[in-house]
Amino acid sequence: IMGSTSDLPVMQDAIDILKGFDIEVEVDI
């Protein structure tokens, strides 16, 4: 989760690494 869409470019790294470990990810603002 993040405070705004402007945080997504940074937070995408967490999403990508988790998907690389085949962990389900829920993303929200």
PDB file of all heavy atoms in Angstrom:
ATOM      1  N   ILE A   1       0.840  -1.190   0.000  1.00  0.00           N
ATOM      2  CA  ILE A   1       0.000   0.000   0.000  1.00  0.00           C
ATOM      3  C   ILE A   1       0.876   1.241   0.000  1.00  0.00           C
ATOM      4  O   ILE A   1       2.033   1.201   0.415  1.00  0.00           O
ATOM      5  CB  ILE A   1      -0.988   0.017   1.187  1.00  0.00           C
ATOM      6  CG1 ILE A   1      -0.258   0.000   2.526  1.00  0.00           C
ATOM      7  CG2 ILE A   1      -1.967  -1.147   1.071  1.00  0.00           C
ATOM      8  CD1 ILE A   1      -1.168   0.157   3.734  1.00  0.00           C
ATOM      9  N   MET A   2       0.294   2.323  -0.483  1.00  0.00           N
ATOM     10  CA  MET A   2       1.044   3.576  -0.560  1.00  0.00           C
ATOM     11  C   MET A   2       0.075   4.732  -0.427  1.00  0.00           C
ATOM     12  O   MET A   2      -1.131   4.566  -0.625  1.00  0.00           O
ATOM     13  CB  MET A   2       1.829   3.655  -1.866  1.00  0.00           C
ATOM     14  CG  MET A   2       0.972   3.589  -3.110  1.00  0.00           C
ATOM     15  SD  MET A   2       1.801   2.859  -4.546  1.00  0.00           S
ATOM     16  CE  MET A   2       1.541   1.121  -4.251  1.00  0.00           C
ATOM     17  N   GLY A   3       0.612   5.897  -0.104  1.00  0.00           N
ATOM     18  CA  GLY A   3      -0.213   7.062   0.141  1.00  0.00           C
ATOM     19  C   GLY A   3      -0.805   7.689  -1.101  1.00  0.00           C
ATOM     20  O   GLY A   3      -1.868   8.308  -1.037  1.00  0.00           O
ATOM     21  N   SER A   4      -0.136   7.537  -2.234  1.00  0.00           N
ATOM     22  CA  SER A   4      -0.657   8.113  -3.473  1.00  0.00           C
ATOM     23  C   SER A   4      -0.028   7.425  -4.672  1.00  0.00           C
ATOM     24  O   SER A   4       0.974   6.707  -4.534  1.00  0.00           O
ATOM     25  CB  SER A   4      -0.394   9.626  -3.541  1.00  0.00           C
ATOM     26  OG  SER A   4       0.983   9.881  -3.737  1.00  0.00           O
ATOM     27  N   THR A   5      -0.596   7.673  -5.845  1.00  0.00           N
ATOM     28  CA  THR A   5      -0.073   7.045  -7.059  1.00  0.00           C
ATOM     29  C   THR A   5       1.351   7.506  -7.356  1.00  0.00           C
ATOM     30  O   THR A   5       2.099   6.797  -8.025  1.00  0.00           O
ATOM     31  CB  THR A   5      -0.971   7.337  -8.278  1.00  0.00           C
ATOM     32  OG1 THR A   5      -1.126   8.753  -8.406  1.00  0.00           O
ATOM     33  CG2 THR A   5      -2.333   6.684  -8.130  1.00  0.00           C
ATOM     34  N   SER A   6       1.741   8.670  -6.842  1.00  0.00           N
ATOM     35  CA  SER A   6       3.107   9.146  -7.090  1.00  0.00           C
ATOM     36  C   SER A   6       4.152   8.255  -6.413  1.00  0.00           C
ATOM     37  O   SER A   6       5.325   8.294  -6.772  1.00  0.00           O
ATOM     38  CB  SER A   6       3.266  10.597  -6.622  1.00  0.00           C
ATOM     39  OG  SER A   6       3.096  10.693  -5.218  1.00  0.00           O
ATOM     40  N   ASP A   7       3.734   7.426  -5.448  1.00  0.00           N
ATOM     41  CA  ASP A   7       4.642   6.501  -4.780  1.00  0.00           C
ATOM     42  C   ASP A   7       4.853   5.205  -5.569  1.00  0.00           C
ATOM     43  O   ASP A   7       5.770   4.441  -5.285  1.00  0.00           O
ATOM     44  CB  ASP A   7       4.117   6.139  -3.379  1.00  0.00           C
ATOM     45  CG  ASP A   7       3.987   7.336  -2.467  1.00  0.00           C
ATOM     46  OD1 ASP A   7       4.779   8.289  -2.606  1.00  0.00           O
ATOM     47  OD2 ASP A   7       3.092   7.323  -1.597  1.00  0.00           O
ATOM     48  N   LEU A   8       3.992   4.959  -6.562  1.00  0.00           N
ATOM     49  CA  LEU A   8       4.038   3.683  -7.281  1.00  0.00           C
ATOM     50  C   LEU A   8       5.377   3.394  -7.973  1.00  0.00           C
ATOM     51  O   LEU A   8       5.837   2.250  -7.916  1.00  0.00           O
ATOM     52  CB  LEU A   8       2.888   3.584  -8.288  1.00  0.00           C
ATOM     53  CG  LEU A   8       2.764   2.255  -9.025  1.00  0.00           C
ATOM     54  CD1 LEU A   8       2.618   1.087  -8.048  1.00  0.00           C
ATOM     55  CD2 LEU A   8       1.586   2.289  -9.988  1.00  0.00           C
ATOM     56  N   PRO A   9       6.049   4.370  -8.594  1.00  0.00           N
ATOM     57  CA  PRO A   9       7.334   4.020  -9.221  1.00  0.00           C
ATOM     58  C   PRO A   9       8.338   3.416  -8.231  1.00  0.00           C
ATOM     59  O   PRO A   9       9.103   2.520  -8.596  1.00  0.00           O
ATOM     60  CB  PRO A   9       7.830   5.361  -9.777  1.00  0.00           C
ATOM     61  CG  PRO A   9       6.580   6.136 -10.044  1.00  0.00           C
ATOM     62  CD  PRO A   9       5.642   5.751  -8.921  1.00  0.00           C
ATOM     63  N   VAL A  10       8.329   3.868  -6.999  1.00  0.00           N
ATOM     64  CA  VAL A  10       9.216   3.294  -5.978  1.00  0.00           C
ATOM     65  C   VAL A  10       8.671   1.942  -5.519  1.00  0.00           C
ATOM     66  O   VAL A  10       9.398   0.949  -5.450  1.00  0.00           O
ATOM     67  CB  VAL A  10       9.360   4.248  -4.768  1.00  0.00           C
ATOM     68  CG1 VAL A  10      10.050   3.561  -3.595  1.00  0.00           C
ATOM     69  CG2 VAL A  10      10.126   5.497  -5.179  1.00  0.00           C
ATOM     70  N   MET A  11       7.388   1.884  -5.212  1.00  0.00           N
ATOM     71  CA  MET A  11       6.785   0.681  -4.649  1.00  0.00           C
ATOM     72  C   MET A  11       6.706  -0.465  -5.647  1.00  0.00           C
ATOM     73  O   MET A  11       6.587  -1.628  -5.258  1.00  0.00           O
ATOM     74  CB  MET A  11       5.400   1.004  -4.097  1.00  0.00           C
ATOM     75  CG  MET A  11       5.423   2.056  -2.981  1.00  0.00           C
ATOM     76  SD  MET A  11       6.528   1.633  -1.618  1.00  0.00           S
ATOM     77  CE  MET A  11       5.610   0.288  -0.885  1.00  0.00           C
ATOM     78  N   GLN A  12       6.826  -0.164  -6.936  1.00  0.00           N
ATOM     79  CA  GLN A  12       6.794  -1.202  -7.966  1.00  0.00           C
ATOM     80  C   GLN A  12       7.913  -2.220  -7.750  1.00  0.00           C
ATOM     81  O   GLN A  12       7.752  -3.405  -8.076  1.00  0.00           O
ATOM     82  CB  GLN A  12       6.900  -0.574  -9.362  1.00  0.00           C
ATOM     83  CG  GLN A  12       6.665  -1.549 -10.489  1.00  0.00           C
ATOM     84  CD  GLN A  12       5.252  -2.105 -10.519  1.00  0.00           C
ATOM     85  OE1 GLN A  12       4.287  -1.357 -10.423  1.00  0.00           O
ATOM     86  NE2 GLN A  12       5.128  -3.416 -10.644  1.00  0.00           N
ATOM     87  N   ASP A  13       9.040  -1.783  -7.184  1.00  0.00           N
ATOM     88  CA  ASP A  13      10.147  -2.715  -6.921  1.00  0.00           C
ATOM     89  C   ASP A  13       9.715  -3.822  -5.958  1.00  0.00           C
ATOM     90  O   ASP A  13      10.109  -4.978  -6.121  1.00  0.00           O
ATOM     91  CB  ASP A  13      11.360  -1.974  -6.361  1.00  0.00           C
ATOM     92  CG  ASP A  13      12.081  -1.137  -7.396  1.00  0.00           C
ATOM     93  OD1 ASP A  13      11.862  -1.343  -8.605  1.00  0.00           O
ATOM     94  OD2 ASP A  13      12.874  -0.259  -6.987  1.00  0.00           O
ATOM     95  N   ALA A  14       8.916  -3.477  -4.945  1.00  0.00           N
ATOM     96  CA  ALA A  14       8.423  -4.498  -4.009  1.00  0.00           C
ATOM     97  C   ALA A  14       7.459  -5.442  -4.717  1.00  0.00           C
ATOM     98  O   ALA A  14       7.531  -6.666  -4.544  1.00  0.00           O
ATOM     99  CB  ALA A  14       7.737  -3.841  -2.812  1.00  0.00           C
ATOM    100  N   ILE A  15       6.576  -4.879  -5.514  1.00  0.00           N
ATOM    101  CA  ILE A  15       5.603  -5.691  -6.253  1.00  0.00           C
ATOM    102  C   ILE A  15       6.325  -6.671  -7.163  1.00  0.00           C
ATOM    103  O   ILE A  15       6.012  -7.870  -7.189  1.00  0.00           O
ATOM    104  CB  ILE A  15       4.657  -4.771  -7.057  1.00  0.00           C
ATOM    105  CG1 ILE A  15       3.835  -3.886  -6.110  1.00  0.00           C
ATOM    106  CG2 ILE A  15       3.762  -5.584  -7.991  1.00  0.00           C
ATOM    107  CD1 ILE A  15       3.166  -2.695  -6.787  1.00  0.00           C
ATOM    108  N   ASP A  16       7.318  -6.183  -7.888  1.00  0.00           N
ATOM    109  CA  ASP A  16       8.052  -7.027  -8.830  1.00  0.00           C
ATOM    110  C   ASP A  16       8.805  -8.156  -8.136  1.00  0.00           C
ATOM    111  O   ASP A  16       8.786  -9.307  -8.601  1.00  0.00           O
ATOM    112  CB  ASP A  16       9.022  -6.182  -9.661  1.00  0.00           C
ATOM    113  CG  ASP A  16       8.321  -5.222 -10.603  1.00  0.00           C
ATOM    114  OD1 ASP A  16       7.106  -5.385 -10.863  1.00  0.00           O
ATOM    115  OD2 ASP A  16       8.994  -4.274 -11.078  1.00  0.00           O
ATOM    116  N   ILE A  17       9.479  -7.843  -7.034  1.00  0.00           N
ATOM    117  CA  ILE A  17      10.264  -8.883  -6.353  1.00  0.00           C
ATOM    118  C   ILE A  17       9.338  -9.936  -5.757  1.00  0.00           C
ATOM    119  O   ILE A  17       9.627 -11.134  -5.807  1.00  0.00           O
ATOM    120  CB  ILE A  17      11.247  -8.286  -5.313  1.00  0.00           C
ATOM    121  CG1 ILE A  17      12.347  -9.295  -4.958  1.00  0.00           C
ATOM    122  CG2 ILE A  17      10.558  -7.843  -4.039  1.00  0.00           C
ATOM    123  CD1 ILE A  17      13.510  -9.309  -5.881  1.00  0.00           C
ATOM    124  N   LEU A  18       8.198  -9.512  -5.200  1.00  0.00           N
ATOM    125  CA  LEU A  18       7.246 -10.471  -4.633  1.00  0.00           C
ATOM    126  C   LEU A  18       6.674 -11.379  -5.717  1.00  0.00           C
ATOM    127  O   LEU A  18       6.565 -12.598  -5.515  1.00  0.00           O
ATOM    128  CB  LEU A  18       6.129  -9.734  -3.902  1.00  0.00           C
ATOM    129  CG  LEU A  18       6.557  -9.064  -2.597  1.00  0.00           C
ATOM    130  CD1 LEU A  18       5.524  -8.034  -2.157  1.00  0.00           C
ATOM    131  CD2 LEU A  18       6.810 -10.094  -1.516  1.00  0.00           C
ATOM    132  N   LYS A  19       6.326 -10.804  -6.858  1.00  0.00           N
ATOM    133  CA  LYS A  19       5.822 -11.628  -7.964  1.00  0.00           C
ATOM    134  C   LYS A  19       6.897 -12.595  -8.445  1.00  0.00           C
ATOM    135  O   LYS A  19       6.599 -13.722  -8.834  1.00  0.00           O
ATOM    136  CB  LYS A  19       5.316 -10.749  -9.099  1.00  0.00           C
ATOM    137  CG  LYS A  19       4.000 -10.068  -8.764  1.00  0.00           C
ATOM    138  CD  LYS A  19       3.486  -9.230  -9.909  1.00  0.00           C
ATOM    139  CE  LYS A  19       2.133  -8.626  -9.562  1.00  0.00           C
ATOM    140  NZ  LYS A  19       1.591  -7.792 -10.643  1.00  0.00           N
ATOM    141  N   GLY A  20       8.164 -12.168  -8.387  1.00  0.00           N
ATOM    142  CA  GLY A  20       9.268 -13.045  -8.756  1.00  0.00           C
ATOM    143  C   GLY A  20       9.403 -14.246  -7.825  1.00  0.00           C
ATOM    144  O   GLY A  20       9.907 -15.295  -8.225  1.00  0.00           O
ATOM    145  N   PHE A  21       8.944 -14.086  -6.587  1.00  0.00           N
ATOM    146  CA  PHE A  21       8.925 -15.192  -5.621  1.00  0.00           C
ATOM    147  C   PHE A  21       7.592 -15.939  -5.660  1.00  0.00           C
ATOM    148  O   PHE A  21       7.328 -16.789  -4.811  1.00  0.00           O
ATOM    149  CB  PHE A  21       9.175 -14.676  -4.194  1.00  0.00           C
ATOM    150  CG  PHE A  21      10.580 -14.236  -3.928  1.00  0.00           C
ATOM    151  CD1 PHE A  21      10.833 -12.968  -3.421  1.00  0.00           C
ATOM    152  CD2 PHE A  21      11.663 -15.076  -4.148  1.00  0.00           C
ATOM    153  CE1 PHE A  21      12.125 -12.545  -3.154  1.00  0.00           C
ATOM    154  CE2 PHE A  21      12.956 -14.666  -3.884  1.00  0.00           C
ATOM    155  CZ  PHE A  21      13.194 -13.398  -3.391  1.00  0.00           C
ATOM    156  N   ASP A  22       6.739 -15.609  -6.632  1.00  0.00           N
ATOM    157  CA  ASP A  22       5.406 -16.221  -6.777  1.00  0.00           C
ATOM    158  C   ASP A  22       4.532 -16.007  -5.545  1.00  0.00           C
ATOM    159  O   ASP A  22       3.783 -16.899  -5.133  1.00  0.00           O
ATOM    160  CB  ASP A  22       5.502 -17.712  -7.110  1.00  0.00           C
ATOM    161  CG  ASP A  22       6.141 -17.955  -8.464  1.00  0.00           C
ATOM    162  OD1 ASP A  22       5.837 -17.192  -9.406  1.00  0.00           O
ATOM    163  OD2 ASP A  22       6.948 -18.897  -8.578  1.00  0.00           O
ATOM    164  N   ILE A  23       4.645 -14.820  -4.950  1.00  0.00           N
ATOM    165  CA  ILE A  23       3.811 -14.448  -3.808  1.00  0.00           C
ATOM    166  C   ILE A  23       2.697 -13.543  -4.320  1.00  0.00           C
ATOM    167  O   ILE A  23       2.964 -12.588  -5.052  1.00  0.00           O
ATOM    168  CB  ILE A  23       4.644 -13.729  -2.723  1.00  0.00           C
ATOM    169  CG1 ILE A  23       5.695 -14.695  -2.163  1.00  0.00           C
ATOM    170  CG2 ILE A  23       3.746 -13.179  -1.613  1.00  0.00           C
ATOM    171  CD1 ILE A  23       6.710 -14.035  -1.236  1.00  0.00           C
ATOM    172  N   GLU A  24       1.483 -13.857  -3.930  1.00  0.00           N
ATOM    173  CA  GLU A  24       0.342 -13.043  -4.337  1.00  0.00           C
ATOM    174  C   GLU A  24       0.452 -11.654  -3.712  1.00  0.00           C
ATOM    175  O   GLU A  24       0.817 -11.512  -2.541  1.00  0.00           O
ATOM    176  CB  GLU A  24      -0.964 -13.703  -3.900  1.00  0.00           C
ATOM    177  CG  GLU A  24      -2.194 -13.011  -4.416  1.00  0.00           C
ATOM    178  CD  GLU A  24      -3.482 -13.707  -4.007  1.00  0.00           C
ATOM    179  OE1 GLU A  24      -3.438 -14.857  -3.522  1.00  0.00           O
ATOM    180  OE2 GLU A  24      -4.540 -13.071  -4.171  1.00  0.00           O
ATOM    181  N   VAL A  25       0.156 -10.625  -4.498  1.00  0.00           N
ATOM    182  CA  VAL A  25       0.298  -9.241  -4.050  1.00  0.00           C
ATOM    183  C   VAL A  25      -1.034  -8.514  -4.214  1.00  0.00           C
ATOM    184  O   VAL A  25      -1.664  -8.600  -5.272  1.00  0.00           O
ATOM    185  CB  VAL A  25       1.387  -8.489  -4.855  1.00  0.00           C
ATOM    186  CG1 VAL A  25       1.576  -7.078  -4.336  1.00  0.00           C
ATOM    187  CG2 VAL A  25       2.704  -9.248  -4.835  1.00  0.00           C
ATOM    188  N   GLU A  26      -1.422  -7.821  -3.168  1.00  0.00           N
ATOM    189  CA  GLU A  26      -2.576  -6.929  -3.225  1.00  0.00           C
ATOM    190  C   GLU A  26      -2.045  -5.508  -3.174  1.00  0.00           C
ATOM    191  O   GLU A  26      -1.307  -5.165  -2.257  1.00  0.00           O
ATOM    192  CB  GLU A  26      -3.486  -7.197  -2.016  1.00  0.00           C
ATOM    193  CG  GLU A  26      -4.652  -6.247  -1.903  1.00  0.00           C
ATOM    194  CD  GLU A  26      -5.492  -6.520  -0.667  1.00  0.00           C
ATOM    195  OE1 GLU A  26      -6.145  -7.582  -0.609  1.00  0.00           O
ATOM    196  OE2 GLU A  26      -5.477  -5.673   0.244  1.00  0.00           O
ATOM    197  N   VAL A  27      -2.378  -4.693  -4.158  1.00  0.00           N
ATOM    198  CA  VAL A  27      -1.859  -3.323  -4.244  1.00  0.00           C
ATOM    199  C   VAL A  27      -3.018  -2.352  -4.080  1.00  0.00           C
ATOM    200  O   VAL A  27      -4.081  -2.542  -4.680  1.00  0.00           O
ATOM    201  CB  VAL A  27      -1.148  -3.083  -5.594  1.00  0.00           C
ATOM    202  CG1 VAL A  27      -0.597  -1.670  -5.683  1.00  0.00           C
ATOM    203  CG2 VAL A  27      -0.043  -4.111  -5.811  1.00  0.00           C
ATOM    204  N   ASP A  28      -2.797  -1.298  -3.268  1.00  0.00           N
ATOM    205  CA  ASP A  28      -3.859  -0.316  -3.071  1.00  0.00           C
ATOM    206  C   ASP A  28      -3.258   1.029  -2.673  1.00  0.00           C
ATOM    207  O   ASP A  28      -2.117   1.100  -2.206  1.00  0.00           O
ATOM    208  CB  ASP A  28      -4.823  -0.790  -1.982  1.00  0.00           C
ATOM    209  CG  ASP A  28      -6.229  -0.208  -2.128  1.00  0.00           C
ATOM    210  OD1 ASP A  28      -6.425   0.751  -2.913  1.00  0.00           O
ATOM    211  OD2 ASP A  28      -7.131  -0.712  -1.439  1.00  0.00           O
ATOM    212  N   ILE A  29      -4.047   2.069  -2.890  1.00  0.00           N
ATOM    213  CA  ILE A  29      -3.712   3.412  -2.428  1.00  0.00           C
ATOM    214  C   ILE A  29      -4.517   3.640  -1.156  1.00  0.00           C
ATOM    215  O   ILE A  29      -5.755   3.532  -1.169  1.00  0.00           O
ATOM    216  CB  ILE A  29      -4.076   4.496  -3.474  1.00  0.00           C
ATOM    217  CG1 ILE A  29      -3.421   4.204  -4.829  1.00  0.00           C
ATOM    218  CG2 ILE A  29      -3.723   5.884  -2.951  1.00  0.00           C
ATOM    219  CD1 ILE A  29      -1.915   4.222  -4.838  1.00  0.00           C
TER     220      ILE A  29
END
